[in-house]
Amino acid sequence: MINVSPRQLQVFVGTVDAGSLRGAAARLHLTQPAASMALAEMERLLGVPVFDRERGRLRLNARGRELLPLARELLERHAEFGHRAAMDGGRLSGELRIGTSNTVGNYRVGELLGPFVRAQPGVSIRLQVDNTTAIARALLRHELDVGCVEGPVLDPALEALPWREDRLLLCAPPGHRLAGRAALQPADLAGTAWVLREPGSATRALSELVLARLPPPASILELSQSEAIRQAVAAGLGVALLPEVAVAEAVAAGRLARLEVPVLEPLLTRRMSLLLPCGRYRGAALEAFVRAATRGLQSA
């Protein structure tokens, strides 16, 4: 039996996360020699190195990449053991690492987190907001416990639980030549400038699907945040698909105009989902979060 200790696993994972043994030692409040000894002892117990040594630097090798997700899960279970032992009357503690795509993180975070935070104030939340692709990758690397995204994720290692529906609107500046016209046809959008999200975002993927059904655009401006795109459209830099939740007030106030293209409408509703790694251990806090988030599912 290989008796690798939690401290040794912490040094291993910490070295990867911090990018150096010195950084791991600082995060774990160890001296660098103590951290180095812990890592060396773990490698001795395993019988193989998990890092290649190159000019005094540590580089994760193939065996280390294979063992890293298991090390993270063992540390998560070790922490869960302590949290369960300390539970007082069903009140949970610990930390949840939640990743959301931009629409959820910027406009629906109250819906996502509110019920759980009110029920379990002892659990701290660490939120990461990025595009759908980045959130999925972070889940697979054990850097997040759960994700909430608006785009489809087809990786078989991830389970998707339906959460809400999200609707996109095609928006233009109020003075746009097409503003106020009803039942536009695809040909009406010929030669139009577009503002798009960056590759990897669910909104970008859907925008490309829409563009494939339209005449070629005059130009494309690429931005990485929905709010930046909203401002660019309002400033007259182009039209864009934007989440209804992000632009409803601006459309109602006349700061943006909604363009209605009936043939495109069936494409503009999408399903938001909770993402969870298949087969990975789910602690009490994560299970409680999933129950809270999916209770009383309804369309947005």
Protein backbone atom coordinates (compact mmCIF):
# COMPACT_ATOMS: atom_id res chain seq x y z
CA MET A 1 0.00 0.00 0.00
CA ILE A 2 1.33 3.45 -0.95
CA ASN A 3 0.87 5.83 1.99
CA VAL A 4 0.91 9.21 0.27
CA SER A 5 -0.13 11.85 2.79
CA PRO A 6 -2.58 14.73 2.25
CA ARG A 7 0.30 17.17 2.79
CA GLN A 8 2.28 15.55 -0.01
CA LEU A 9 -0.73 15.77 -2.30
CA GLN A 10 -1.18 19.42 -1.33
CA VAL A 11 2.40 20.17 -2.31
CA PHE A 12 1.98 18.31 -5.61
CA VAL A 13 -1.26 20.10 -6.55
CA GLY A 14 -0.02 23.39 -5.13
CA THR A 15 3.13 23.26 -7.25
CA VAL A 16 1.03 22.81 -10.39
CA ASP A 17 -1.38 25.60 -9.46
CA ALA A 18 1.29 28.07 -8.32
CA GLY A 19 3.66 27.25 -11.15
CA SER A 20 6.60 26.60 -8.84
CA LEU A 21 7.58 24.79 -5.67
CA ARG A 22 8.34 28.14 -4.03
CA GLY A 23 4.83 29.36 -4.80
CA ALA A 24 3.29 26.16 -3.40
CA ALA A 25 5.33 26.49 -0.22
CA ALA A 26 4.14 30.06 0.27
CA ARG A 27 0.48 29.10 -0.24
CA LEU A 28 0.78 26.19 2.19
CA HIS A 29 2.78 28.18 4.76
CA LEU A 30 5.75 25.80 4.48
CA THR A 31 9.41 26.44 4.05
CA GLN A 32 10.68 25.64 0.57
CA PRO A 33 12.92 22.79 1.87
CA ALA A 34 9.90 21.25 3.65
CA ALA A 35 7.82 21.44 0.47
CA SER A 36 10.66 19.98 -1.57
CA MET A 37 11.04 17.08 0.88
CA ALA A 38 7.29 16.37 0.77
CA LEU A 39 7.30 16.24 -3.03
CA ALA A 40 10.42 14.09 -3.17
CA GLU A 41 8.96 11.65 -0.63
CA MET A 42 5.74 11.37 -2.62
CA GLU A 43 7.68 10.57 -5.78
CA ARG A 44 9.75 8.02 -3.86
CA LEU A 45 6.58 6.31 -2.61
CA LEU A 46 5.10 6.27 -6.09
CA GLY A 47 8.30 4.98 -7.61
CA VAL A 48 8.09 7.49 -10.48
CA PRO A 49 8.60 11.25 -10.82
CA VAL A 50 5.60 13.44 -11.50
CA PHE A 51 7.71 16.37 -12.64
CA ASP A 52 10.60 16.60 -15.04
CA ARG A 53 13.47 18.73 -13.75
CA GLU A 54 14.76 21.13 -16.38
CA ARG A 55 17.42 23.67 -15.39
CA GLY A 56 16.08 23.91 -11.88
CA ARG A 57 12.45 24.20 -12.97
CA LEU A 58 9.67 21.65 -12.49
CA ARG A 59 7.60 20.66 -15.50
CA LEU A 60 4.62 18.32 -15.07
CA ASN A 61 5.27 15.11 -16.98
CA ALA A 62 2.86 12.57 -18.49
CA ARG A 63 2.54 10.59 -15.24
CA GLY A 64 1.94 13.78 -13.30
CA ARG A 65 -0.81 14.84 -15.72
CA GLU A 66 -2.42 11.43 -15.27
CA LEU A 67 -2.31 11.60 -11.46
CA LEU A 68 -3.22 15.27 -11.02
CA PRO A 69 -7.05 14.88 -11.30
CA LEU A 70 -6.93 11.99 -8.82
CA ALA A 71 -4.83 14.06 -6.42
CA ARG A 72 -7.32 16.92 -6.61
CA GLU A 73 -10.23 14.55 -5.93
CA LEU A 74 -8.47 12.96 -2.96
CA LEU A 75 -7.89 16.41 -1.46
CA GLU A 76 -11.53 17.31 -2.07
CA ARG A 77 -12.67 14.16 -0.28
CA HIS A 78 -10.26 14.79 2.59
CA ALA A 79 -11.69 18.29 3.01
CA GLU A 80 -15.23 16.91 2.79
CA PHE A 81 -14.45 14.49 5.63
CA GLY A 82 -13.59 17.42 7.87
CA HIS A 83 -16.62 19.42 6.79
CA ARG A 84 -18.99 16.52 7.43
CA ALA A 85 -17.48 15.90 10.86
CA ALA A 86 -17.95 19.57 11.76
CA MET A 87 -21.54 19.83 10.51
CA ASP A 88 -23.84 21.38 13.08
CA GLY A 89 -27.51 20.58 12.67
CA GLY A 90 -27.21 20.09 8.92
CA ARG A 91 -25.45 23.41 8.31
CA LEU A 92 -22.74 22.95 5.69
CA SER A 93 -19.32 24.55 5.50
CA GLY A 94 -16.42 24.55 3.08
CA GLU A 95 -16.04 26.07 -0.37
CA LEU A 96 -17.66 25.60 -3.76
CA ARG A 97 -15.85 26.54 -6.96
CA ILE A 98 -18.50 27.54 -9.47
CA GLY A 99 -17.89 28.53 -13.07
CA THR A 100 -20.40 30.39 -15.21
CA SER A 101 -20.48 31.61 -18.74
CA ASN A 102 -20.80 35.37 -19.18
CA THR A 103 -24.57 35.64 -19.48
CA VAL A 104 -25.12 33.67 -16.28
CA GLY A 105 -22.29 35.30 -14.35
CA ASN A 106 -23.20 38.86 -15.31
CA TYR A 107 -27.01 38.76 -15.43
CA ARG A 108 -28.36 35.64 -13.69
CA VAL A 109 -25.98 35.09 -10.81
CA GLY A 110 -28.71 35.93 -8.29
CA GLU A 111 -30.97 33.22 -9.69
CA LEU A 112 -28.15 30.72 -9.68
CA LEU A 113 -26.61 31.37 -6.27
CA GLY A 114 -29.36 33.03 -4.25
CA PRO A 115 -31.35 30.01 -3.00
CA PHE A 116 -28.22 28.12 -1.97
CA VAL A 117 -26.44 31.07 -0.32
CA ARG A 118 -29.53 31.90 1.74
CA ALA A 119 -29.90 28.27 2.84
CA GLN A 120 -26.20 27.56 3.48
CA PRO A 121 -24.41 30.77 4.54
CA GLY A 122 -21.51 28.73 5.95
CA VAL A 123 -20.34 27.65 2.48
CA SER A 124 -18.07 30.13 0.72
CA ILE A 125 -18.45 30.58 -3.03
CA ARG A 126 -15.60 31.15 -5.46
CA LEU A 127 -17.04 32.25 -8.81
CA GLN A 128 -15.21 32.15 -12.15
CA VAL A 129 -16.82 33.85 -15.16
CA ASP A 130 -15.59 32.88 -18.62
CA ASN A 131 -16.91 31.56 -21.91
CA THR A 132 -18.56 28.15 -22.19
CA THR A 133 -15.52 26.38 -23.61
CA ALA A 134 -13.22 27.67 -20.86
CA ILE A 135 -15.67 26.63 -18.12
CA ALA A 136 -15.94 23.11 -19.54
CA ARG A 137 -12.15 22.78 -19.68
CA ALA A 138 -11.78 23.99 -16.09
CA LEU A 139 -14.29 21.37 -14.92
CA LEU A 140 -12.35 18.61 -16.65
CA ARG A 141 -9.12 19.82 -14.99
CA HIS A 142 -10.75 19.67 -11.52
CA GLU A 143 -10.39 23.44 -11.20
CA LEU A 144 -14.16 23.86 -10.70
CA ASP A 145 -16.82 21.82 -8.93
CA VAL A 146 -19.79 22.80 -11.10
CA GLY A 147 -20.50 25.04 -14.07
CA CYS A 148 -23.51 26.85 -15.47
CA VAL A 149 -23.39 27.70 -19.17
CA GLU A 150 -25.75 28.68 -21.97
CA GLY A 151 -24.10 26.71 -24.73
CA PRO A 152 -24.26 23.00 -25.58
CA VAL A 153 -21.32 20.96 -24.30
CA LEU A 154 -21.01 17.56 -25.94
CA ASP A 155 -18.03 16.15 -24.00
CA PRO A 156 -19.08 12.69 -22.70
CA ALA A 157 -17.08 13.32 -19.51
CA LEU A 158 -19.53 16.08 -18.52
CA GLU A 159 -23.17 15.72 -17.48
CA ALA A 160 -25.57 18.55 -18.37
CA LEU A 161 -28.65 19.22 -16.21
CA PRO A 162 -31.27 21.60 -17.68
CA TRP A 163 -31.47 24.88 -15.73
CA ARG A 164 -33.20 27.74 -17.57
CA GLU A 165 -34.02 28.89 -21.09
CA ASP A 166 -32.28 31.93 -22.51
CA ARG A 167 -33.45 34.04 -25.44
CA LEU A 168 -31.32 36.18 -27.72
CA LEU A 169 -32.44 39.36 -29.48
CA LEU A 170 -30.99 40.80 -32.67
CA CYS A 171 -30.19 44.37 -31.69
CA ALA A 172 -29.25 47.47 -33.68
CA PRO A 173 -28.66 51.13 -32.82
CA PRO A 174 -31.92 53.15 -32.75
CA GLY A 175 -31.03 55.03 -35.94
CA HIS A 176 -30.20 51.93 -37.95
CA ARG A 177 -31.72 51.73 -41.43
CA LEU A 178 -33.67 48.59 -40.42
CA ALA A 179 -34.92 49.82 -37.05
CA GLY A 180 -38.72 49.94 -36.83
CA ARG A 181 -39.31 47.71 -39.84
CA ALA A 182 -41.46 44.65 -39.25
CA ALA A 183 -40.85 41.11 -40.45
CA LEU A 184 -37.43 41.59 -41.97
CA GLN A 185 -36.13 39.12 -44.53
CA PRO A 186 -32.56 37.74 -44.54
CA ALA A 187 -31.79 39.77 -47.67
CA ASP A 188 -32.55 42.97 -45.75
CA LEU A 189 -29.43 42.36 -43.65
CA ALA A 190 -27.07 42.27 -46.64
CA GLY A 191 -24.03 44.46 -46.13
CA THR A 192 -24.65 44.94 -42.41
CA ALA A 193 -21.79 45.35 -39.93
CA TRP A 194 -21.84 42.83 -37.06
CA VAL A 195 -20.39 42.77 -33.55
CA LEU A 196 -19.61 39.26 -32.28
CA ARG A 197 -18.42 37.56 -29.11
CA GLU A 198 -15.06 35.77 -29.09
CA PRO A 199 -14.65 32.16 -30.31
CA GLY A 200 -15.48 29.66 -27.56
CA SER A 201 -18.54 31.50 -26.32
CA ALA A 202 -22.01 30.04 -26.82
CA THR A 203 -23.29 33.35 -28.16
CA ARG A 204 -20.54 33.35 -30.81
CA ALA A 205 -21.47 29.82 -31.89
CA LEU A 206 -25.13 30.77 -32.25
CA SER A 207 -24.23 34.02 -34.05
CA GLU A 208 -22.21 32.04 -36.59
CA LEU A 209 -25.20 29.74 -37.14
CA VAL A 210 -27.37 32.79 -37.80
CA LEU A 211 -24.79 34.42 -40.08
CA ALA A 212 -24.67 31.25 -42.18
CA ARG A 213 -28.32 31.92 -43.09
CA LEU A 214 -27.75 35.55 -44.03
CA PRO A 215 -25.96 37.40 -46.83
CA PRO A 216 -22.28 38.13 -46.08
CA PRO A 217 -21.74 40.90 -43.49
CA ALA A 218 -20.01 44.13 -44.41
CA SER A 219 -17.61 43.78 -41.49
CA ILE A 220 -17.17 42.01 -38.15
CA LEU A 221 -16.00 43.50 -34.86
CA GLU A 222 -15.08 40.96 -32.18
CA LEU A 223 -15.41 41.74 -28.44
CA SER A 224 -15.20 39.48 -25.40
CA GLN A 225 -18.03 40.75 -23.18
CA SER A 226 -21.76 41.15 -23.76
CA GLU A 227 -21.74 44.55 -22.05
CA ALA A 228 -19.00 45.79 -24.39
CA ILE A 229 -21.01 44.54 -27.36
CA ARG A 230 -24.14 46.27 -26.07
CA GLN A 231 -22.24 49.54 -25.86
CA ALA A 232 -20.74 49.05 -29.32
CA VAL A 233 -24.18 48.45 -30.85
CA ALA A 234 -25.61 51.52 -29.09
CA ALA A 235 -22.70 53.53 -30.51
CA GLY A 236 -23.61 52.48 -34.05
CA LEU A 237 -20.78 50.03 -34.70
CA GLY A 238 -23.00 47.21 -35.93
CA VAL A 239 -25.80 44.81 -35.06
CA ALA A 240 -25.43 41.89 -32.64
CA LEU A 241 -27.20 39.00 -31.00
CA LEU A 242 -27.45 39.69 -27.29
CA PRO A 243 -29.17 37.93 -24.36
CA GLU A 244 -32.63 39.37 -23.76
CA VAL A 245 -31.88 39.57 -20.05
CA ALA A 246 -28.93 41.88 -20.84
CA VAL A 247 -30.75 44.28 -23.19
CA ALA A 248 -34.45 44.29 -22.24
CA GLU A 249 -34.19 47.60 -20.37
CA ALA A 250 -32.17 49.27 -23.13
CA VAL A 251 -34.68 48.13 -25.77
CA ALA A 252 -37.60 49.35 -23.66
CA ALA A 253 -35.88 52.71 -23.15
CA GLY A 254 -35.11 53.12 -26.85
CA ARG A 255 -31.34 52.96 -26.45
CA LEU A 256 -31.32 49.84 -28.63
CA ALA A 257 -33.68 48.67 -31.36
CA ARG A 258 -34.78 45.08 -31.76
CA LEU A 259 -34.70 43.72 -35.30
CA GLU A 260 -37.31 41.03 -35.97
CA VAL A 261 -36.38 38.44 -38.59
CA PRO A 262 -39.09 35.76 -38.32
CA VAL A 263 -37.09 33.08 -40.14
CA LEU A 264 -34.34 33.37 -37.50
CA GLU A 265 -36.56 33.34 -34.40
CA PRO A 266 -36.51 29.53 -33.90
CA LEU A 267 -32.73 29.68 -33.58
CA LEU A 268 -32.67 32.29 -30.84
CA THR A 269 -33.83 30.29 -27.81
CA ARG A 270 -31.22 28.14 -26.07
CA ARG A 271 -31.05 25.96 -22.98
CA MET A 272 -28.83 26.90 -20.05
CA SER A 273 -27.39 23.92 -18.17
CA LEU A 274 -25.55 22.97 -15.04
CA LEU A 275 -22.38 21.05 -15.93
CA LEU A 276 -20.95 18.35 -13.67
CA PRO A 277 -18.07 15.94 -14.30
CA CYS A 278 -19.38 12.40 -14.77
CA GLY A 279 -18.38 9.91 -12.10
CA ARG A 280 -16.64 12.43 -9.85
CA TYR A 281 -17.40 12.42 -6.13
CA ARG A 282 -19.91 15.08 -5.12
CA GLY A 283 -19.69 16.35 -1.58
CA ALA A 284 -22.61 17.45 0.56
CA ALA A 285 -22.22 21.12 -0.37
CA LEU A 286 -22.20 20.38 -4.09
CA GLU A 287 -25.22 18.09 -3.83
CA ALA A 288 -27.09 20.76 -1.87
CA PHE A 289 -26.18 23.40 -4.47
CA VAL A 290 -27.44 21.27 -7.36
CA ARG A 291 -30.70 20.59 -5.51
CA ALA A 292 -31.19 24.29 -4.78
CA ALA A 293 -30.36 25.38 -8.32
CA THR A 294 -32.62 22.85 -10.03
CA ARG A 295 -35.57 23.04 -7.64
CA GLY A 296 -38.67 24.34 -9.36
CA LEU A 297 -37.12 24.52 -12.85
CA GLN A 298 -38.86 27.00 -15.07
CA SER A 299 -38.20 28.75 -18.33
CA ALA A 300 -36.57 32.14 -18.10
